[in-house]
């Protein structure tokens, strides 16, 4: 049994797909499949159910997964321990980023980290906030920039943005001339918003549920640009955060939703006791975002 076999096994388990796992570990799909077949022969059990379109763990695979992660973490800790003594950071830094993110200070932080620690392999993954948080909890990601309504349980966080929820509408929309807008007035019209699994959608859904409101969601999109473009074309009122809406002042009129005091957060999250690479990346992130 080799560490690379365990790495490929964990990659397939987390990606649920042999092709994506191969892209992640940077070898061919046939190479990943061959190594996992060899691992299965050594263990005497199939780790994946290959009959479905996705690679699903068998009972044996589920039993093996946490042990495989622990073995890889232990192997990585050897290099980290030496790095702590020598001052040299090695290994891999896996960073998650919410889909459609255009927060350039994160990219500045990664660039600064790469210049300071060129020997560390960088990986960047885009996904929904819910999946990114689970990736951090599972150890697949070291850090993740996510949209949320509160710091996820069991994780540490650095809040980057904390903003109110707004509705943004084009010329001719009934809400354009309103000075104050309530959530009930917003959901009287079709809305365009982020999909489930995003922080902004969680805030909107939670606010509606707390007030017994059932919004008519006309369309969903994962990027603010798409939501704004749909709203401009009259397909629904856009549900955005304050800074998101500010980028479309030339086309949309934004109104803070007056009776929703809860705030949408954009936060960098990580597990307590981060790796040396993650700690260094957090230092660069604080500088890039201008945080203490």
Protein backbone atom coordinates (compact mmCIF):
# COMPACT_ATOMS: atom_id res chain seq x y z
CA UNK A 1 0.00 0.00 0.00
CA UNK A 2 1.44 3.36 -1.05
CA UNK A 3 0.63 6.90 -0.01
CA UNK A 4 -0.14 7.87 -3.60
CA UNK A 5 -2.80 5.13 -3.75
CA UNK A 6 -4.41 6.58 -0.63
CA UNK A 7 -4.19 10.08 -2.15
CA UNK A 8 -5.97 8.92 -5.31
CA UNK A 9 -8.57 7.04 -3.27
CA UNK A 10 -9.36 10.15 -1.19
CA UNK A 11 -9.49 12.32 -4.33
CA UNK A 12 -12.05 10.04 -6.01
CA UNK A 13 -14.09 9.80 -2.80
CA UNK A 14 -14.25 13.59 -2.45
CA UNK A 15 -14.77 14.40 -6.12
CA UNK A 16 -17.17 11.43 -6.65
CA UNK A 17 -15.75 11.17 -10.14
CA UNK A 18 -12.62 9.51 -11.53
CA UNK A 19 -12.08 12.17 -14.22
CA UNK A 20 -12.21 15.11 -11.78
CA UNK A 21 -10.02 13.21 -9.33
CA UNK A 22 -7.44 12.62 -12.07
CA UNK A 23 -7.41 16.33 -12.89
CA UNK A 24 -6.95 17.12 -9.20
CA UNK A 25 -3.95 14.81 -8.72
CA UNK A 26 -2.61 15.63 -12.21
CA UNK A 27 -2.32 12.18 -13.72
CA UNK A 28 -4.42 10.32 -16.28
CA UNK A 29 -7.77 8.81 -15.38
CA UNK A 30 -6.45 5.37 -16.34
CA UNK A 31 -3.56 5.87 -13.91
CA UNK A 32 -5.93 6.71 -11.06
CA UNK A 33 -8.17 3.74 -11.89
CA UNK A 34 -5.22 1.34 -12.06
CA UNK A 35 -3.80 2.45 -8.73
CA UNK A 36 -7.18 2.17 -6.99
CA UNK A 37 -7.73 -1.29 -8.50
CA UNK A 38 -4.35 -2.31 -7.10
CA UNK A 39 -5.30 -0.88 -3.69
CA UNK A 40 -8.57 -2.81 -3.79
CA UNK A 41 -6.70 -6.03 -4.58
CA UNK A 42 -4.38 -5.46 -1.63
CA UNK A 43 -7.32 -4.78 0.69
CA UNK A 44 -9.43 -7.59 -0.73
CA UNK A 45 -12.52 -5.41 -1.18
CA UNK A 46 -13.99 -2.96 -3.68
CA UNK A 47 -13.89 0.61 -2.43
CA UNK A 48 -16.23 2.14 -5.03
CA UNK A 49 -19.54 1.18 -6.58
CA UNK A 50 -18.86 1.85 -10.26
CA UNK A 51 -22.35 0.93 -11.52
CA UNK A 52 -23.69 4.49 -11.19
CA UNK A 53 -22.67 7.67 -13.04
CA UNK A 54 -20.86 8.89 -9.92
CA UNK A 55 -18.20 7.00 -7.98
CA UNK A 56 -19.95 6.05 -4.76
CA UNK A 57 -18.16 4.56 -1.78
CA UNK A 58 -19.01 1.02 -0.81
CA UNK A 59 -19.30 0.06 2.85
CA UNK A 60 -15.61 -0.93 2.75
CA UNK A 61 -14.74 2.40 1.10
CA UNK A 62 -16.57 4.36 3.80
CA UNK A 63 -14.73 2.41 6.47
CA UNK A 64 -11.38 3.13 4.82
CA UNK A 65 -11.85 6.81 4.02
CA UNK A 66 -11.14 8.42 7.39
CA UNK A 67 -8.15 6.13 7.96
CA UNK A 68 -6.78 7.09 4.54
CA UNK A 69 -7.20 10.78 5.35
CA UNK A 70 -5.50 10.26 8.70
CA UNK A 71 -2.57 8.45 7.06
CA UNK A 72 -2.09 11.26 4.53
CA UNK A 73 -2.35 13.88 7.29
CA UNK A 74 0.25 12.02 9.36
CA UNK A 75 2.61 11.83 6.39
CA UNK A 76 2.13 15.53 5.75
CA UNK A 77 2.79 16.29 9.41
CA UNK A 78 6.29 14.82 9.09
CA UNK A 79 7.25 17.46 6.53
CA UNK A 80 5.45 20.16 8.51
CA UNK A 81 7.35 19.26 11.69
CA UNK A 82 10.67 19.56 9.86
CA UNK A 83 9.48 22.80 8.27
CA UNK A 84 8.66 24.25 11.69
CA UNK A 85 12.27 23.67 12.74
CA UNK A 86 13.96 24.76 9.50
CA UNK A 87 11.55 27.59 8.66
CA UNK A 88 10.79 26.00 5.28
CA UNK A 89 7.13 25.46 4.44
CA UNK A 90 6.41 22.55 2.12
CA UNK A 91 3.44 20.55 0.92
CA UNK A 92 0.14 21.68 -0.55
CA UNK A 93 -2.29 24.48 0.18
CA UNK A 94 -5.86 23.81 -0.96
CA UNK A 95 -8.06 26.90 -1.05
CA UNK A 96 -11.80 27.02 -1.75
CA UNK A 97 -13.64 29.97 -3.23
CA UNK A 98 -17.35 30.55 -3.66
CA UNK A 99 -18.47 30.34 -7.30
CA UNK A 100 -18.47 33.68 -9.11
CA UNK A 101 -16.10 35.29 -6.60
CA UNK A 102 -14.38 38.46 -7.81
CA UNK A 103 -12.74 39.44 -4.52
CA UNK A 104 -9.31 40.23 -5.90
CA UNK A 105 -7.53 40.62 -2.51
CA UNK A 106 -7.80 36.83 -2.20
CA UNK A 107 -5.84 36.47 -5.42
CA UNK A 108 -3.33 39.04 -4.14
CA UNK A 109 -2.91 36.98 -0.98
CA UNK A 110 -2.34 33.78 -2.95
CA UNK A 111 0.20 35.50 -5.18
CA UNK A 112 2.10 36.87 -2.17
CA UNK A 113 2.03 33.44 -0.54
CA UNK A 114 3.35 31.81 -3.71
CA UNK A 115 6.22 34.29 -3.95
CA UNK A 116 7.14 33.67 -0.32
CA UNK A 117 6.75 29.88 -0.47
CA UNK A 118 7.31 28.71 -4.07
CA UNK A 119 7.80 25.11 -2.94
CA UNK A 120 4.18 24.79 -1.79
CA UNK A 121 1.73 23.43 -4.36
CA UNK A 122 -1.35 25.65 -4.65
CA UNK A 123 -4.81 24.31 -5.48
CA UNK A 124 -7.93 26.46 -5.96
CA UNK A 125 -11.47 25.05 -6.03
CA UNK A 126 -14.72 26.86 -6.83
CA UNK A 127 -17.95 25.52 -5.33
CA UNK A 128 -21.05 26.47 -3.37
CA UNK A 129 -20.49 27.75 0.16
CA UNK A 130 -22.10 24.73 1.86
CA UNK A 131 -19.81 22.29 0.03
CA UNK A 132 -16.76 24.43 0.69
CA UNK A 133 -17.47 24.47 4.41
CA UNK A 134 -17.80 20.69 4.42
CA UNK A 135 -14.54 20.47 2.47
CA UNK A 136 -12.77 22.46 5.20
CA UNK A 137 -14.32 20.31 7.93
CA UNK A 138 -13.28 17.11 6.13
CA UNK A 139 -9.72 18.35 5.63
CA UNK A 140 -9.95 18.45 1.82
CA UNK A 141 -9.47 22.23 1.94
CA UNK A 142 -7.16 24.25 4.17
CA UNK A 143 -9.04 27.52 3.75
CA UNK A 144 -12.20 28.64 2.00
CA UNK A 145 -13.77 31.98 1.17
CA UNK A 146 -17.51 31.44 1.67
CA UNK A 147 -20.76 33.33 1.88
CA UNK A 148 -22.54 32.66 5.16
CA UNK A 149 -24.86 34.11 7.77
CA UNK A 150 -22.72 33.10 10.77
CA UNK A 151 -19.34 31.53 11.48
CA UNK A 152 -19.75 27.80 10.69
CA UNK A 153 -19.75 25.63 13.79
CA UNK A 154 -16.36 24.15 14.66
CA UNK A 155 -14.39 26.45 12.36
CA UNK A 156 -12.42 29.65 12.84
CA UNK A 157 -13.20 32.58 10.58
CA UNK A 158 -11.99 35.95 9.33
CA UNK A 159 -14.92 38.14 8.26
CA UNK A 160 -14.12 40.04 5.09
CA UNK A 161 -17.47 41.69 4.37
CA UNK A 162 -20.61 42.11 6.50
CA UNK A 163 -23.53 43.65 4.64
CA UNK A 164 -27.29 44.08 4.53
CA UNK A 165 -29.52 42.40 1.96
CA UNK A 166 -30.78 44.63 -0.88
CA UNK A 167 -33.21 44.40 -3.76
CA UNK A 168 -32.07 45.89 -7.08
CA UNK A 169 -34.57 46.74 -9.83
CA UNK A 170 -34.49 48.34 -13.30
CA UNK A 171 -36.35 51.40 -14.55
CA UNK A 172 -40.08 50.84 -14.64
CA UNK A 173 -40.18 48.37 -11.74
CA UNK A 174 -42.77 49.24 -9.04
CA UNK A 175 -40.11 49.18 -6.30
CA UNK A 176 -37.83 51.71 -8.01
CA UNK A 177 -39.61 54.76 -6.61
CA UNK A 178 -40.08 53.35 -3.09
CA UNK A 179 -38.01 55.07 -0.40
CA UNK A 180 -38.30 52.17 2.02
CA UNK A 181 -38.79 48.54 1.06
CA UNK A 182 -39.92 45.65 3.28
CA UNK A 183 -39.39 41.97 2.58
CA UNK A 184 -43.12 41.47 2.10
CA UNK A 185 -43.10 44.15 -0.60
CA UNK A 186 -40.11 42.50 -2.27
CA UNK A 187 -41.65 39.02 -2.46
CA UNK A 188 -44.83 40.45 -3.94
CA UNK A 189 -42.78 40.41 -7.15
CA UNK A 190 -40.78 37.63 -8.86
CA UNK A 191 -37.15 37.61 -7.73
CA UNK A 192 -33.82 36.52 -9.19
CA UNK A 193 -31.34 35.24 -6.63
CA UNK A 194 -28.43 32.96 -5.80
CA UNK A 195 -29.05 29.18 -5.72
CA UNK A 196 -29.41 27.13 -2.52
CA UNK A 197 -26.10 26.38 -0.82
CA UNK A 198 -24.94 30.00 -0.98
CA UNK A 199 -24.78 32.39 1.96
CA UNK A 200 -26.93 35.05 0.32
CA UNK A 201 -29.66 32.54 -0.47
CA UNK A 202 -29.55 31.15 3.06
CA UNK A 203 -30.05 34.65 4.45
CA UNK A 204 -32.93 35.40 2.06
CA UNK A 205 -34.65 32.05 2.64
CA UNK A 206 -34.24 32.34 6.41
CA UNK A 207 -35.70 35.85 6.47
CA UNK A 208 -38.69 34.76 4.38
CA UNK A 209 -39.33 31.67 6.51
CA UNK A 210 -39.17 33.71 9.74
CA UNK A 211 -41.91 35.98 8.39
CA UNK A 212 -44.04 33.27 6.84
CA UNK A 213 -43.40 34.52 3.31
CA UNK A 214 -43.18 32.37 0.17
CA UNK A 215 -41.14 34.16 -2.51
CA UNK A 216 -41.70 33.54 -6.21
CA UNK A 217 -38.20 32.75 -7.40
CA UNK A 218 -38.23 33.33 -11.13
CA UNK A 219 -34.61 32.43 -11.87
CA UNK A 220 -31.40 31.49 -10.06
CA UNK A 221 -27.79 32.24 -10.98
CA UNK A 222 -24.47 31.67 -9.24
CA UNK A 223 -22.83 34.98 -10.15
CA UNK A 224 -23.83 38.55 -9.33
CA UNK A 225 -23.28 39.64 -12.94
CA UNK A 226 -25.80 37.08 -14.17
CA UNK A 227 -28.37 38.05 -11.54
CA UNK A 228 -28.01 41.73 -12.43
CA UNK A 229 -28.28 41.06 -16.16
CA UNK A 230 -31.45 39.04 -15.65
CA UNK A 231 -32.95 41.79 -13.49
CA UNK A 232 -32.07 44.47 -16.07
CA UNK A 233 -34.07 42.48 -18.61
CA UNK A 234 -37.14 42.54 -16.38
CA UNK A 235 -37.05 38.88 -15.38
CA UNK A 236 -37.21 39.59 -11.65
CA UNK A 237 -36.01 41.81 -8.83
CA UNK A 238 -32.38 41.01 -7.97
CA UNK A 239 -31.53 39.90 -4.43
CA UNK A 240 -27.95 40.97 -3.73
CA UNK A 241 -25.68 42.29 -1.01
CA UNK A 242 -24.87 46.00 -0.77
CA UNK A 243 -21.41 45.81 -2.40
CA UNK A 244 -22.68 43.51 -5.15
CA UNK A 245 -25.48 45.91 -6.06
CA UNK A 246 -23.11 48.89 -6.02
CA UNK A 247 -21.48 47.62 -9.19
CA UNK A 248 -24.70 47.99 -11.18
CA UNK A 249 -25.79 51.53 -10.23
CA UNK A 250 -25.84 52.51 -13.88
CA UNK A 251 -28.51 49.92 -14.64
CA UNK A 252 -30.29 49.05 -11.39
CA UNK A 253 -31.66 50.96 -8.41
CA UNK A 254 -30.85 49.25 -5.11
CA UNK A 255 -32.90 49.50 -1.92
CA UNK A 256 -31.91 48.01 1.42
CA UNK A 257 -34.59 45.59 2.62
CA UNK A 258 -35.61 47.59 5.65
CA UNK A 259 -36.92 44.87 7.96
CA UNK A 260 -34.09 42.34 7.42
CA UNK A 261 -31.36 43.43 9.87
CA UNK A 262 -29.47 40.14 9.53
CA UNK A 263 -26.26 40.52 7.58
CA UNK A 264 -24.66 38.54 4.78
CA UNK A 265 -21.06 37.61 5.56
CA UNK A 266 -18.18 36.87 3.25
CA UNK A 267 -15.64 35.07 5.40
CA UNK A 268 -12.44 33.09 5.15
CA UNK A 269 -12.86 29.90 7.21
CA UNK A 270 -10.44 27.23 8.40
CA UNK A 271 -10.13 24.45 10.97
CA UNK A 272 -8.60 25.26 14.36
CA UNK A 273 -4.86 24.49 14.54
CA UNK A 274 -4.17 25.10 10.83
CA UNK A 275 -1.09 23.78 9.05
CA UNK A 276 2.02 25.97 8.72
CA UNK A 277 1.09 26.65 5.09
CA UNK A 278 -2.44 27.69 6.07
CA UNK A 279 -1.12 29.93 8.85
CA UNK A 280 1.22 31.65 6.41
CA UNK A 281 -1.61 32.07 3.89
CA UNK A 282 -3.81 33.63 6.57
CA UNK A 283 -1.09 36.17 7.33
CA UNK A 284 -0.99 37.19 3.66
CA UNK A 285 -4.81 37.27 3.56
CA UNK A 286 -4.98 39.67 6.52
CA UNK A 287 -2.53 41.98 4.78
CA UNK A 288 -4.32 41.78 1.42
CA UNK A 289 -7.71 42.54 2.98
CA UNK A 290 -6.29 45.24 5.27
CA UNK A 291 -7.30 43.43 8.44
CA UNK A 292 -5.44 43.45 11.77
